[in-house]
Structure formats: structure tokens, C-alpha cells
Amino acid sequence: MDDTFDVRPYLRSLWQARYWLLGSALLAAILTYGLLSLLPEQYEATSLIAISEPRLVVQLDPRIDSAGDRQIDEAYP
């Protein structure tokens, strides 16, 4: 019993159909580009920020200053 698997017939079939495969991929890319260029550009972003007091204040190193006791008056987008 022969347990080997020969890939050559499959590769030969793909090679014979290469123009159909490449043409189909190119047509799909062109159609996708065309449909996406017709859509309006929409950008939407939402966020939810919760600001609360810390339940536990841990100071690991006294040389590192914590902003927990200070009022932060600047915000960056």
C-alpha cells in the first residue's frame, strides 16, 4: 500500500487556473475599492470616563510624589 501523498496534481490544477484565480482576485479588489469609495467617510468616537476617589492609597517609595492630594488643573486631549 502506497502511503505517499503527491501534491503535484493539485499544484498543476492551480497553475492551469492561475488566470481565473488572479482575475477573480483582481475583480474582487476593484469592486471592493469602488464600493468603498462610494461610501461617505464617517468617523465616530465615544468614551466614558469615571473619576473617583481611590479606595486605598499606597505609597511604595517616599521619593515618588503622588497626585492624589493635589488638584490636577490640566487635561490633554
N, C-alpha and C. Protein backbone atom coordinates (compact mmCIF):
# COMPACT_ATOMS: atom_id res chain seq x y z
N MET A 1 0.84 -1.17 0.00
CA MET A 1 0.00 0.00 0.00
C MET A 1 0.89 1.24 0.00
N ASP A 2 0.56 2.18 -0.86
CA ASP A 2 1.36 3.39 -1.01
C ASP A 2 0.77 4.50 -0.14
N ASP A 3 1.54 4.95 0.87
CA ASP A 3 1.06 5.97 1.80
C ASP A 3 1.58 7.36 1.48
N THR A 4 2.15 7.56 0.32
CA THR A 4 2.67 8.88 -0.03
C THR A 4 1.56 9.74 -0.62
N PHE A 5 1.72 11.01 -0.44
CA PHE A 5 0.75 11.98 -0.94
C PHE A 5 1.46 12.85 -1.96
N ASP A 6 0.93 12.90 -3.17
CA ASP A 6 1.55 13.67 -4.23
C ASP A 6 0.78 14.97 -4.41
N VAL A 7 1.47 16.08 -4.26
CA VAL A 7 0.86 17.40 -4.33
C VAL A 7 0.83 17.91 -5.77
N ARG A 8 1.62 17.34 -6.62
CA ARG A 8 1.77 17.85 -7.98
C ARG A 8 0.47 17.97 -8.77
N PRO A 9 -0.46 17.03 -8.69
CA PRO A 9 -1.72 17.23 -9.44
C PRO A 9 -2.50 18.47 -8.97
N TYR A 10 -2.46 18.74 -7.68
CA TYR A 10 -3.16 19.91 -7.16
C TYR A 10 -2.47 21.20 -7.60
N LEU A 11 -1.16 21.20 -7.55
CA LEU A 11 -0.42 22.37 -8.00
C LEU A 11 -0.61 22.59 -9.50
N ARG A 12 -0.65 21.52 -10.26
CA ARG A 12 -0.87 21.62 -11.70
C ARG A 12 -2.25 22.22 -11.99
N SER A 13 -3.25 21.80 -11.24
CA SER A 13 -4.61 22.35 -11.42
C SER A 13 -4.64 23.83 -11.09
N LEU A 14 -3.98 24.21 -10.00
CA LEU A 14 -3.92 25.63 -9.64
C LEU A 14 -3.17 26.43 -10.70
N TRP A 15 -2.11 25.87 -11.23
CA TRP A 15 -1.32 26.58 -12.24
C TRP A 15 -2.13 26.75 -13.53
N GLN A 16 -2.92 25.76 -13.89
CA GLN A 16 -3.75 25.87 -15.09
C GLN A 16 -4.87 26.88 -14.91
N ALA A 17 -5.32 27.08 -13.69
CA ALA A 17 -6.40 28.03 -13.41
C ALA A 17 -5.87 29.35 -12.88
N ARG A 18 -4.58 29.62 -13.06
CA ARG A 18 -3.98 30.81 -12.46
C ARG A 18 -4.60 32.10 -12.98
N TYR A 19 -4.94 32.16 -14.26
CA TYR A 19 -5.52 33.39 -14.79
C TYR A 19 -6.92 33.63 -14.24
N TRP A 20 -7.69 32.57 -14.07
CA TRP A 20 -9.01 32.72 -13.46
C TRP A 20 -8.88 33.15 -12.00
N LEU A 21 -7.95 32.58 -11.28
CA LEU A 21 -7.76 32.93 -9.87
C LEU A 21 -7.29 34.36 -9.72
N LEU A 22 -6.28 34.76 -10.50
CA LEU A 22 -5.77 36.13 -10.43
C LEU A 22 -6.82 37.13 -10.89
N GLY A 23 -7.55 36.78 -11.95
CA GLY A 23 -8.60 37.67 -12.43
C GLY A 23 -9.71 37.85 -11.42
N SER A 24 -10.09 36.77 -10.76
CA SER A 24 -11.14 36.85 -9.73
C SER A 24 -10.68 37.71 -8.55
N ALA A 25 -9.44 37.53 -8.13
CA ALA A 25 -8.92 38.33 -7.02
C ALA A 25 -8.83 39.80 -7.41
N LEU A 26 -8.39 40.08 -8.63
CA LEU A 26 -8.30 41.47 -9.09
C LEU A 26 -9.68 42.09 -9.22
N LEU A 27 -10.64 41.35 -9.74
CA LEU A 27 -12.00 41.85 -9.85
C LEU A 27 -12.60 42.13 -8.48
N ALA A 28 -12.37 41.25 -7.52
CA ALA A 28 -12.87 41.47 -6.16
C ALA A 28 -12.23 42.71 -5.55
N ALA A 29 -10.94 42.92 -5.78
CA ALA A 29 -10.27 44.10 -5.24
C ALA A 29 -10.81 45.38 -5.87
N ILE A 30 -11.04 45.37 -7.18
CA ILE A 30 -11.56 46.55 -7.87
C ILE A 30 -12.98 46.85 -7.41
N LEU A 31 -13.82 45.83 -7.30
CA LEU A 31 -15.19 46.04 -6.82
C LEU A 31 -15.22 46.55 -5.39
N THR A 32 -14.37 46.01 -4.55
CA THR A 32 -14.30 46.47 -3.16
C THR A 32 -13.87 47.92 -3.09
N TYR A 33 -12.85 48.29 -3.85
CA TYR A 33 -12.39 49.68 -3.86
C TYR A 33 -13.49 50.60 -4.37
N GLY A 34 -14.17 50.18 -5.43
CA GLY A 34 -15.23 51.01 -5.98
C GLY A 34 -16.38 51.21 -5.01
N LEU A 35 -16.80 50.15 -4.35
CA LEU A 35 -17.89 50.28 -3.39
C LEU A 35 -17.49 51.10 -2.17
N LEU A 36 -16.26 50.93 -1.70
CA LEU A 36 -15.82 51.69 -0.54
C LEU A 36 -15.61 53.16 -0.87
N SER A 37 -15.26 53.48 -2.11
CA SER A 37 -15.08 54.88 -2.47
C SER A 37 -16.42 55.60 -2.59
N LEU A 38 -17.51 54.86 -2.77
CA LEU A 38 -18.83 55.48 -2.84
C LEU A 38 -19.40 55.78 -1.46
N LEU A 39 -18.93 55.10 -0.44
CA LEU A 39 -19.44 55.31 0.91
C LEU A 39 -18.94 56.63 1.47
N PRO A 40 -19.78 57.35 2.22
CA PRO A 40 -19.30 58.58 2.85
C PRO A 40 -18.33 58.26 3.99
N GLU A 41 -17.40 59.17 4.19
CA GLU A 41 -16.44 58.98 5.28
C GLU A 41 -17.11 59.32 6.60
N GLN A 42 -17.14 58.39 7.49
CA GLN A 42 -17.75 58.59 8.80
C GLN A 42 -16.75 58.20 9.87
N TYR A 43 -16.59 59.09 10.80
CA TYR A 43 -15.72 58.81 11.93
C TYR A 43 -16.49 59.14 13.20
N GLU A 44 -16.48 58.22 14.12
CA GLU A 44 -17.19 58.44 15.38
C GLU A 44 -16.38 57.82 16.50
N ALA A 45 -16.26 58.57 17.56
CA ALA A 45 -15.55 58.06 18.73
C ALA A 45 -16.32 58.46 19.97
N THR A 46 -16.46 57.54 20.87
CA THR A 46 -17.11 57.82 22.14
C THR A 46 -16.24 57.29 23.26
N SER A 47 -16.36 57.93 24.39
CA SER A 47 -15.62 57.45 25.55
C SER A 47 -16.41 57.80 26.81
N LEU A 48 -16.16 57.05 27.82
CA LEU A 48 -16.78 57.28 29.11
C LEU A 48 -15.67 57.26 30.14
N ILE A 49 -15.57 58.33 30.89
CA ILE A 49 -14.50 58.45 31.88
C ILE A 49 -15.14 58.53 33.26
N ALA A 50 -14.70 57.70 34.14
CA ALA A 50 -15.17 57.73 35.52
C ALA A 50 -14.04 58.21 36.41
N ILE A 51 -14.29 59.27 37.13
CA ILE A 51 -13.29 59.82 38.06
C ILE A 51 -13.82 59.59 39.47
N SER A 52 -13.05 58.89 40.26
CA SER A 52 -13.49 58.60 41.62
C SER A 52 -12.29 58.70 42.56
N GLU A 53 -12.60 58.79 43.81
CA GLU A 53 -11.55 58.82 44.82
C GLU A 53 -10.97 57.41 44.97
N PRO A 54 -9.68 57.32 45.17
CA PRO A 54 -9.09 55.99 45.36
C PRO A 54 -9.54 55.40 46.70
N ARG A 55 -9.82 54.11 46.70
CA ARG A 55 -10.22 53.44 47.93
C ARG A 55 -9.03 53.20 48.85
N LEU A 56 -7.88 53.03 48.25
CA LEU A 56 -6.69 52.72 49.02
C LEU A 56 -5.52 53.49 48.43
N VAL A 57 -4.82 54.23 49.25
CA VAL A 57 -3.65 54.98 48.78
C VAL A 57 -2.42 54.24 49.26
N VAL A 58 -1.62 53.81 48.31
CA VAL A 58 -0.41 53.06 48.62
C VAL A 58 0.78 53.89 48.16
N GLN A 59 1.71 54.09 49.06
CA GLN A 59 2.92 54.81 48.71
C GLN A 59 4.08 53.84 48.87
N LEU A 60 4.62 53.41 47.74
CA LEU A 60 5.68 52.42 47.76
C LEU A 60 7.04 53.04 48.05
N ASP A 61 7.25 54.24 47.58
CA ASP A 61 8.54 54.90 47.75
C ASP A 61 8.28 56.37 48.08
N PRO A 62 8.79 56.87 49.19
CA PRO A 62 8.51 58.26 49.57
C PRO A 62 9.10 59.28 48.60
N ARG A 63 10.04 58.87 47.76
CA ARG A 63 10.62 59.80 46.79
C ARG A 63 9.69 60.05 45.60
N ILE A 64 8.70 59.18 45.42
CA ILE A 64 7.78 59.33 44.30
C ILE A 64 6.57 60.10 44.79
N ASP A 65 6.30 61.23 44.15
CA ASP A 65 5.19 62.09 44.55
C ASP A 65 3.90 61.57 43.93
N SER A 66 2.85 61.57 44.70
CA SER A 66 1.56 61.12 44.24
C SER A 66 0.69 62.33 43.92
N ALA A 67 -0.14 62.22 42.92
CA ALA A 67 -1.04 63.31 42.56
C ALA A 67 -2.37 63.17 43.27
N GLY A 68 -2.48 62.27 44.21
CA GLY A 68 -3.74 62.03 44.90
C GLY A 68 -4.20 63.19 45.74
N ASP A 69 -3.28 63.97 46.33
CA ASP A 69 -3.67 65.06 47.21
C ASP A 69 -3.71 66.41 46.49
N ARG A 70 -3.24 66.45 45.27
CA ARG A 70 -3.20 67.72 44.55
C ARG A 70 -4.35 67.80 43.55
N GLN A 71 -4.76 69.02 43.27
CA GLN A 71 -5.77 69.27 42.25
C GLN A 71 -5.08 69.32 40.89
N ILE A 72 -5.52 68.49 39.99
CA ILE A 72 -4.95 68.49 38.64
C ILE A 72 -5.75 69.49 37.81
N ASP A 73 -5.06 70.50 37.28
CA ASP A 73 -5.76 71.56 36.57
C ASP A 73 -5.49 71.56 35.06
N GLU A 74 -4.82 70.55 34.55
CA GLU A 74 -4.58 70.48 33.12
C GLU A 74 -5.07 69.13 32.61
N ALA A 75 -5.64 69.17 31.45
CA ALA A 75 -6.05 67.94 30.79
C ALA A 75 -5.61 68.00 29.34
N TYR A 76 -5.11 66.93 28.87
CA TYR A 76 -4.64 66.88 27.49
C TYR A 76 -5.56 65.97 26.69
N PRO A 77 -5.86 66.35 25.47
CA PRO A 77 -6.77 65.52 24.66
C PRO A 77 -6.15 64.21 24.26
